[in-house]
């Protein structure tokens, strides 16, 4: 006769916690459910049933059901009867739920402790930690940056090129930035002119501007940069957007702040409503296109520097060819060269930002 307790020591009816619940669950789903269904449908399982004797194919599943209290030996019938499952359910699920809650609470405690360590490390002067420059990669970037911005006290400066800017990326940073603004942190954000045609950027700007942020755009290309409290700078790494460099060296941070301020002074307010503004911005982008063409950059590079798609940039070139009645790019460059056009001429209707 099979052992009434089976050989199971995992999910059993003596209230011991399972050593490996996932292993038992897989066996339960794949074999034991069917055996239990058969026991119900057949009015029980005979103790000599080949499925559960010796090396029968369902012996392990049978032992599991016995251990869980879902099959009970019936001496009068000489077999095994299915037992109503609610009692077994409470014995199995309740301990797992309790342990899950305990682990969640424990993980939250550890997270708070490590958050304290991170805050202490980020707040310490660079000379004390010996890490004036730190490289972070891929998934490690956003948590570190979010923690840095959450600890900002006075000011956040951001230069954000439009190239590759996805709508979901814009939406993802909105809660983080609005929380900083609501704490009284000043914020200035610099985009390229092409951001003015980006619907999700418009929504984001409306939200943060309502909380006091200042937003401007510029025709020039610039690299992504974030400056927090004028003590930490975040710039792209040499490998591209998958690497971020966190700079805490005061001299370098001050230099980057100066670059931002000079660029900011030439930019135009995002919410500016001058009647000639769209025409002025279009003229600035036209001048930038001419410079890219004369300098011999590829379409992909030129489009990236303008913050537009290669197709849009090709449209800019086509407009210039029509304007100068040029059949080819070579002819276009030659014609502009003869006329002394360099792309550095101030576009009509523009003025210094401020």
Protein backbone atom coordinates (compact mmCIF):
# COMPACT_ATOMS: atom_id res chain seq x y z
CA UNK A 1 0.00 0.00 0.00
CA UNK A 2 1.34 3.47 -0.80
CA UNK A 3 2.48 5.49 2.18
CA UNK A 4 -0.51 7.50 3.40
CA UNK A 5 1.67 10.56 3.81
CA UNK A 6 3.44 9.85 0.54
CA UNK A 7 7.09 10.72 0.24
CA UNK A 8 6.34 14.42 -0.06
CA UNK A 9 7.85 16.89 2.39
CA UNK A 10 6.96 20.03 0.47
CA UNK A 11 3.32 21.05 0.09
CA UNK A 12 1.94 18.95 2.91
CA UNK A 13 -0.93 19.08 5.36
CA UNK A 14 1.21 19.35 8.49
CA UNK A 15 1.63 23.12 7.97
CA UNK A 16 5.27 22.99 6.96
CA UNK A 17 6.27 25.64 4.38
CA UNK A 18 7.19 24.23 0.96
CA UNK A 19 10.89 24.13 0.24
CA UNK A 20 10.27 24.80 -3.46
CA UNK A 21 6.68 25.87 -4.17
CA UNK A 22 7.32 26.51 -7.86
CA UNK A 23 8.49 22.91 -8.43
CA UNK A 24 5.39 21.53 -6.74
CA UNK A 25 3.15 23.92 -8.67
CA UNK A 26 4.58 22.72 -11.98
CA UNK A 27 3.94 19.08 -11.00
CA UNK A 28 0.50 20.01 -9.72
CA UNK A 29 -0.44 21.72 -12.99
CA UNK A 30 1.03 19.12 -15.31
CA UNK A 31 0.00 15.86 -13.56
CA UNK A 32 -1.76 16.19 -10.22
CA UNK A 33 -4.74 18.20 -11.49
CA UNK A 34 -5.59 15.47 -13.97
CA UNK A 35 -5.21 12.75 -11.34
CA UNK A 36 -7.45 14.63 -8.90
CA UNK A 37 -10.05 15.13 -11.64
CA UNK A 38 -9.93 11.37 -12.33
CA UNK A 39 -10.36 10.57 -8.63
CA UNK A 40 -13.49 12.73 -8.52
CA UNK A 41 -14.90 11.36 -11.79
CA UNK A 42 -14.17 7.72 -10.92
CA UNK A 43 -15.32 7.90 -7.30
CA UNK A 44 -11.80 7.33 -6.02
CA UNK A 45 -8.55 5.61 -6.95
CA UNK A 46 -7.88 1.97 -6.09
CA UNK A 47 -4.71 1.41 -4.11
CA UNK A 48 -3.60 -1.11 -6.76
CA UNK A 49 -4.16 1.33 -9.64
CA UNK A 50 -1.06 1.08 -11.91
CA UNK A 51 -0.94 4.84 -12.22
CA UNK A 52 0.11 5.20 -8.58
CA UNK A 53 1.88 1.98 -7.69
CA UNK A 54 5.60 1.37 -7.91
CA UNK A 55 6.99 3.46 -10.74
CA UNK A 56 3.59 4.40 -12.15
CA UNK A 57 3.54 7.53 -14.29
CA UNK A 58 1.43 9.45 -11.77
CA UNK A 59 3.15 8.29 -8.58
CA UNK A 60 4.82 11.66 -7.93
CA UNK A 61 1.56 13.46 -8.59
CA UNK A 62 -0.26 11.03 -6.27
CA UNK A 63 2.26 11.64 -3.48
CA UNK A 64 1.78 15.38 -3.91
CA UNK A 65 -2.02 15.12 -3.65
CA UNK A 66 -1.74 12.94 -0.54
CA UNK A 67 0.77 15.30 1.02
CA UNK A 68 -1.52 18.26 0.38
CA UNK A 69 -4.47 16.43 1.88
CA UNK A 70 -6.40 16.33 -1.40
CA UNK A 71 -6.53 12.52 -1.46
CA UNK A 72 -7.43 10.58 1.67
CA UNK A 73 -7.11 6.86 2.31
CA UNK A 74 -10.40 5.03 2.76
CA UNK A 75 -9.78 1.74 4.66
CA UNK A 76 -13.31 0.52 4.06
CA UNK A 77 -13.04 0.79 0.28
CA UNK A 78 -9.37 0.01 0.16
CA UNK A 79 -8.56 3.05 -1.98
CA UNK A 80 -8.15 6.80 -2.07
CA UNK A 81 -10.94 9.37 -2.12
CA UNK A 82 -10.81 12.98 -3.30
CA UNK A 83 -11.18 15.56 -0.50
CA UNK A 84 -12.92 18.96 -0.79
CA UNK A 85 -10.02 21.33 -1.70
CA UNK A 86 -10.76 24.50 0.32
CA UNK A 87 -8.90 23.29 3.40
CA UNK A 88 -5.81 22.37 1.40
CA UNK A 89 -5.97 25.72 -0.36
CA UNK A 90 -5.81 27.68 2.88
CA UNK A 91 -2.90 25.56 4.13
CA UNK A 92 -0.91 26.11 0.94
CA UNK A 93 -1.78 29.68 -0.10
CA UNK A 94 -1.88 31.43 3.29
CA UNK A 95 1.77 30.71 4.22
CA UNK A 96 2.92 31.78 0.75
CA UNK A 97 0.95 35.04 1.02
CA UNK A 98 2.41 35.73 4.45
CA UNK A 99 5.93 35.03 3.25
CA UNK A 100 5.39 37.20 0.17
CA UNK A 101 4.27 40.13 2.31
CA UNK A 102 7.26 39.64 4.59
CA UNK A 103 9.67 39.64 1.66
CA UNK A 104 8.09 42.78 0.19
CA UNK A 105 8.43 44.55 3.51
CA UNK A 106 12.03 43.39 3.85
CA UNK A 107 12.89 44.55 0.31
CA UNK A 108 11.35 47.97 1.03
CA UNK A 109 13.56 48.30 4.13
CA UNK A 110 16.66 47.43 2.12
CA UNK A 111 15.66 49.86 -0.65
CA UNK A 112 15.38 52.70 1.88
CA UNK A 113 18.78 51.86 3.34
CA UNK A 114 20.44 51.86 -0.07
CA UNK A 115 18.63 55.09 -0.98
CA UNK A 116 20.22 56.65 2.11
CA UNK A 117 23.64 55.45 0.96
CA UNK A 118 23.08 56.85 -2.55
CA UNK A 119 21.91 60.20 -1.20
CA UNK A 120 24.95 60.46 1.06
CA UNK A 121 27.31 59.56 -1.77
CA UNK A 122 25.78 61.98 -4.30
CA UNK A 123 25.74 64.85 -1.78
CA UNK A 124 29.37 64.46 -0.75
CA UNK A 125 31.99 66.76 -2.35
CA UNK A 126 33.88 65.09 -5.17
CA UNK A 127 37.22 65.39 -3.38
CA UNK A 128 35.82 63.38 -0.44
CA UNK A 129 34.53 60.50 -2.53
CA UNK A 130 37.33 60.52 -5.08
CA UNK A 131 34.78 60.14 -7.90
CA UNK A 132 34.62 63.46 -9.73
CA UNK A 133 33.63 61.55 -12.91
CA UNK A 134 31.41 58.45 -12.99
CA UNK A 135 30.30 56.39 -16.00
CA UNK A 136 26.92 54.67 -15.90
CA UNK A 137 25.46 52.38 -18.55
CA UNK A 138 22.02 51.46 -19.87
CA UNK A 139 19.53 50.56 -17.13
CA UNK A 140 21.66 52.13 -14.38
CA UNK A 141 21.33 55.64 -15.84
CA UNK A 142 17.68 56.54 -15.22
CA UNK A 143 17.51 55.48 -11.54
CA UNK A 144 20.68 57.42 -10.73
CA UNK A 145 19.51 60.49 -12.67
CA UNK A 146 16.05 60.37 -11.08
CA UNK A 147 17.65 60.26 -7.64
CA UNK A 148 19.88 63.21 -8.53
CA UNK A 149 16.94 65.32 -9.70
CA UNK A 150 14.84 64.30 -6.70
CA UNK A 151 17.57 65.75 -4.49
CA UNK A 152 17.94 69.02 -6.46
CA UNK A 153 17.57 72.04 -4.19
CA UNK A 154 17.87 75.17 -6.34
CA UNK A 155 18.17 74.73 -10.10
CA UNK A 156 18.03 72.27 -13.00
CA UNK A 157 19.34 73.25 -16.44
CA UNK A 158 18.62 70.94 -19.36
CA UNK A 159 19.79 70.98 -22.98
CA UNK A 160 17.77 68.43 -24.93
CA UNK A 161 18.38 67.92 -28.68
CA UNK A 162 15.29 66.83 -30.55
CA UNK A 163 16.85 64.03 -32.60
CA UNK A 164 15.55 60.63 -31.47
CA UNK A 165 13.25 62.21 -28.90
CA UNK A 166 10.32 59.81 -28.56
CA UNK A 167 6.89 60.76 -27.22
CA UNK A 168 7.08 58.11 -24.49
CA UNK A 169 10.44 59.52 -23.34
CA UNK A 170 8.94 62.99 -23.00
CA UNK A 171 5.97 61.64 -21.03
CA UNK A 172 8.23 59.57 -18.77
CA UNK A 173 10.17 62.57 -17.42
CA UNK A 174 7.12 64.79 -16.82
CA UNK A 175 6.27 63.47 -13.29
CA UNK A 176 9.90 63.70 -12.20
CA UNK A 177 10.24 67.29 -13.44
CA UNK A 178 6.90 68.52 -12.13
CA UNK A 179 7.74 67.14 -8.69
CA UNK A 180 10.98 69.16 -8.69
CA UNK A 181 9.16 72.31 -9.79
CA UNK A 182 6.52 71.86 -7.09
CA UNK A 183 9.35 71.75 -4.54
CA UNK A 184 10.45 75.20 -5.71
CA UNK A 185 13.39 74.14 -7.89
CA UNK A 186 14.02 76.55 -10.79
CA UNK A 187 14.17 74.88 -14.20
CA UNK A 188 15.34 76.03 -17.62
CA UNK A 189 15.03 73.74 -20.66
CA UNK A 190 16.64 74.24 -24.06
CA UNK A 191 15.38 72.50 -27.22
CA UNK A 192 16.07 72.81 -30.93
CA UNK A 193 13.54 74.71 -33.05
CA UNK A 194 12.23 71.40 -34.43
CA UNK A 195 10.75 70.65 -30.99
CA UNK A 196 8.05 73.22 -31.77
CA UNK A 197 6.54 70.71 -34.21
CA UNK A 198 6.50 67.87 -31.66
CA UNK A 199 3.03 67.41 -30.14
CA UNK A 200 4.11 65.61 -26.95
CA UNK A 201 6.82 68.22 -26.35
CA UNK A 202 4.15 70.94 -26.58
CA UNK A 203 2.09 69.15 -23.93
CA UNK A 204 5.12 68.72 -21.69
CA UNK A 205 6.14 72.38 -22.07
CA UNK A 206 2.61 73.55 -21.24
CA UNK A 207 2.67 71.45 -18.06
CA UNK A 208 6.08 72.51 -16.76
CA UNK A 209 5.70 76.14 -17.85
CA UNK A 210 2.56 76.37 -15.75
CA UNK A 211 4.73 75.46 -12.75
CA UNK A 212 7.38 78.07 -13.50
CA UNK A 213 9.83 76.37 -15.87
CA UNK A 214 11.37 78.43 -18.68
CA UNK A 215 11.71 76.81 -22.11
CA UNK A 216 13.53 78.12 -25.18
CA UNK A 217 14.55 76.79 -28.60
CA UNK A 218 17.56 77.35 -30.82
CA UNK A 219 18.49 76.51 -34.41
CA UNK A 220 21.93 75.19 -33.46
CA UNK A 221 22.75 71.59 -32.68
CA UNK A 222 23.95 70.77 -29.17
CA UNK A 223 24.56 67.64 -27.15
CA UNK A 224 22.30 66.46 -24.34
CA UNK A 225 23.26 67.94 -20.99
CA UNK A 226 21.70 68.21 -17.53
CA UNK A 227 23.10 70.44 -14.79
CA UNK A 228 21.83 70.03 -11.22
CA UNK A 229 22.40 72.79 -8.65
CA UNK A 230 25.53 73.80 -10.59
CA UNK A 231 27.38 70.98 -8.82
CA UNK A 232 26.71 67.93 -11.03
CA UNK A 233 26.65 67.72 -14.83
CA UNK A 234 25.30 64.81 -16.86
CA UNK A 235 26.58 64.45 -20.43
CA UNK A 236 26.62 61.62 -23.01
CA UNK A 237 29.44 59.11 -22.90
CA UNK A 238 31.71 58.33 -25.87
CA UNK A 239 29.71 55.16 -26.64
CA UNK A 240 26.52 57.17 -27.28
CA UNK A 241 23.20 57.39 -25.42
CA UNK A 242 23.73 54.03 -23.70
CA UNK A 243 26.39 55.65 -21.51
CA UNK A 244 26.08 58.74 -19.32
CA UNK A 245 28.92 60.59 -17.64
CA UNK A 246 28.20 62.19 -14.27
CA UNK A 247 30.69 64.99 -13.67
CA UNK A 248 31.17 66.50 -10.21
CA UNK A 249 34.45 68.35 -10.74
CA UNK A 250 33.58 72.02 -9.93
CA UNK A 251 35.74 73.57 -12.67
CA UNK A 252 34.25 71.37 -15.40
CA UNK A 253 30.70 71.90 -14.14
CA UNK A 254 31.25 75.69 -14.10
CA UNK A 255 32.55 75.53 -17.68
CA UNK A 256 29.47 73.60 -18.83
CA UNK A 257 27.16 76.02 -17.03
CA UNK A 258 28.82 78.89 -18.91
CA UNK A 259 28.23 77.09 -22.23
CA UNK A 260 24.58 76.62 -21.32
CA UNK A 261 24.15 80.29 -20.35
CA UNK A 262 25.69 81.52 -23.61
CA UNK A 263 23.50 79.19 -25.64
CA UNK A 264 20.43 80.15 -23.62
CA UNK A 265 21.02 83.84 -24.36
CA UNK A 266 20.73 83.19 -28.12
CA UNK A 267 17.60 81.05 -27.87
CA UNK A 268 13.95 82.04 -28.33
CA UNK A 269 11.19 81.54 -25.74
CA UNK A 270 9.05 78.50 -26.60
CA UNK A 271 5.86 80.41 -25.88
CA UNK A 272 6.80 83.50 -27.87
CA UNK A 273 3.84 84.75 -29.90
CA UNK A 274 5.35 87.29 -32.30
CA UNK A 275 3.55 87.31 -35.63
CA UNK A 276 6.83 86.89 -37.53
CA UNK A 277 8.24 84.20 -35.24
CA UNK A 278 7.47 81.15 -37.44
CA UNK A 279 9.03 82.93 -40.41
CA UNK A 280 12.09 83.90 -38.37
CA UNK A 281 12.59 80.34 -37.12
CA UNK A 282 12.21 78.97 -40.64
CA UNK A 283 14.86 81.47 -41.80
CA UNK A 284 17.25 80.35 -39.06
CA UNK A 285 16.80 76.71 -40.02
CA UNK A 286 17.39 77.66 -43.66
CA UNK A 287 20.69 79.30 -42.75
CA UNK A 288 21.68 76.21 -40.76
CA UNK A 289 20.88 74.03 -43.79
CA UNK A 290 23.11 76.20 -45.98
CA UNK A 291 25.99 75.88 -43.53
CA UNK A 292 25.61 72.09 -43.42
CA UNK A 293 25.57 71.94 -47.23
CA UNK A 294 28.63 74.18 -47.68
CA UNK A 295 30.58 72.28 -45.01
CA UNK A 296 29.91 69.04 -46.90
CA UNK A 297 28.11 67.08 -44.17
CA UNK A 298 26.08 63.99 -45.10
CA UNK A 299 22.30 64.19 -45.09
CA UNK A 300 22.11 61.97 -41.99
CA UNK A 301 24.55 64.16 -40.04
CA UNK A 302 22.90 67.38 -41.21
CA UNK A 303 19.41 66.14 -40.30
CA UNK A 304 20.63 65.13 -36.85
CA UNK A 305 22.20 68.53 -36.25
CA UNK A 306 18.98 70.25 -37.27
CA UNK A 307 16.89 67.86 -35.19
CA UNK A 308 14.76 66.76 -38.15
CA UNK A 309 14.31 63.56 -40.13
CA UNK A 310 16.50 62.89 -43.22
CA UNK A 311 13.37 63.23 -45.34
CA UNK A 312 12.63 66.68 -43.94
CA UNK A 313 16.23 67.74 -44.48
CA UNK A 314 16.07 66.53 -48.09
CA UNK A 315 13.01 68.79 -48.47
CA UNK A 316 15.07 71.75 -47.22
CA UNK A 317 17.71 71.04 -49.87
CA UNK A 318 15.04 70.74 -52.57
CA UNK A 319 13.66 74.14 -51.56
CA UNK A 320 17.12 75.70 -51.89
CA UNK A 321 17.63 74.13 -55.31
CA UNK A 322 14.38 75.65 -56.51
CA UNK A 323 15.25 79.01 -54.97
CA UNK A 324 18.61 79.14 -56.75
CA UNK A 325 17.43 77.34 -59.91
CA UNK A 326 20.03 74.60 -59.45
CA UNK A 327 19.65 71.17 -61.01
CA UNK A 328 22.16 69.45 -58.72
CA UNK A 329 23.69 69.95 -55.30
CA UNK A 330 27.02 70.74 -56.91
CA UNK A 331 25.40 73.47 -58.98
CA UNK A 332 23.61 74.75 -55.87
CA UNK A 333 26.88 74.99 -53.92
CA UNK A 334 28.62 76.65 -56.86
CA UNK A 335 25.85 79.24 -57.28
CA UNK A 336 25.79 80.11 -53.58
CA UNK A 337 29.58 80.35 -53.56
CA UNK A 338 29.58 82.82 -56.45
CA UNK A 339 27.02 84.93 -54.65
CA UNK A 340 29.07 84.90 -51.45
CA UNK A 341 26.43 83.05 -49.44
CA UNK A 342 27.88 81.29 -46.40
CA UNK A 343 24.88 80.61 -44.17
CA UNK A 344 26.30 82.95 -41.53
CA UNK A 345 24.29 85.95 -42.67
CA UNK A 346 21.71 87.03 -40.03
CA UNK A 347 18.30 85.90 -41.29
CA UNK A 348 15.85 88.68 -41.88
CA UNK A 349 13.65 89.34 -38.84
CA UNK A 350 15.88 87.59 -36.31
CA UNK A 351 17.16 89.10 -33.09
CA UNK A 352 19.37 87.94 -30.25
CA UNK A 353 17.60 85.83 -27.63
CA UNK A 354 17.26 87.17 -24.12
